[in-house]
């Protein structure tokens, strides 16, 4: 089933800002700089877990 349009737009906007989404689980890796509290809040409301990029492998 296709995801709702609001979630699709939110994921698109977050990816452009450097957020990375896991394909298996509903987990988002946040960028080291440019974190947006409002985006993370909305992603949590959709059931995503927030993970810090502690290894900075990118």
Protein backbone atom coordinates (compact mmCIF):
# COMPACT_ATOMS: atom_id res chain seq x y z
CA UNK A 1 0.00 0.00 0.00
CA UNK A 2 1.24 3.47 -0.84
CA UNK A 3 2.18 5.79 2.01
CA UNK A 4 0.10 8.94 2.61
CA UNK A 5 1.05 12.05 0.65
CA UNK A 6 1.98 14.03 3.79
CA UNK A 7 4.44 11.33 4.87
CA UNK A 8 5.85 11.10 1.36
CA UNK A 9 6.46 14.85 1.27
CA UNK A 10 7.97 14.84 4.77
CA UNK A 11 10.38 12.04 3.86
CA UNK A 12 11.38 13.84 0.65
CA UNK A 13 12.05 17.10 2.48
CA UNK A 14 14.00 15.32 5.25
CA UNK A 15 16.17 13.43 2.72
CA UNK A 16 17.08 16.73 1.05
CA UNK A 17 18.29 18.03 4.43
CA UNK A 18 20.55 15.00 5.01
CA UNK A 19 18.32 12.58 6.93
CA UNK A 20 18.77 8.89 6.00
CA UNK A 21 15.92 6.39 6.20
CA UNK A 22 16.34 2.68 6.91
CA UNK A 23 14.68 0.43 4.33
CA UNK A 24 14.04 -2.41 6.78
CA UNK A 25 12.96 -0.64 9.96
CA UNK A 26 11.24 2.69 10.59
CA UNK A 27 14.45 4.38 11.74
CA UNK A 28 15.88 7.73 10.67
CA UNK A 29 19.56 8.64 10.99
CA UNK A 30 19.92 12.36 11.58
CA UNK A 31 22.71 14.52 10.10
CA UNK A 32 25.47 15.91 12.29
CA UNK A 33 24.64 19.49 11.37
CA UNK A 34 21.37 21.04 10.37
CA UNK A 35 19.07 19.01 12.59
CA UNK A 36 15.49 20.25 12.55
CA UNK A 37 13.46 19.70 15.71
CA UNK A 38 10.17 20.18 13.89
CA UNK A 39 10.97 17.51 11.28
CA UNK A 40 12.07 15.03 13.93
CA UNK A 41 8.89 15.70 15.88
CA UNK A 42 6.73 14.97 12.83
CA UNK A 43 8.69 11.81 12.02
CA UNK A 44 8.21 10.56 15.59
CA UNK A 45 4.47 11.17 15.20
CA UNK A 46 4.49 8.88 12.14
CA UNK A 47 6.23 6.15 14.20
CA UNK A 48 9.86 6.63 13.16
CA UNK A 49 12.71 6.16 15.61
CA UNK A 50 15.45 8.78 15.68
CA UNK A 51 19.07 7.58 15.62
CA UNK A 52 22.10 9.85 15.94
CA UNK A 53 24.90 9.45 13.41
CA UNK A 54 27.56 8.66 16.02
CA UNK A 55 29.97 6.93 13.62
CA UNK A 56 29.87 9.68 10.95
CA UNK A 57 30.67 7.18 8.19
CA UNK A 58 29.49 9.51 5.46
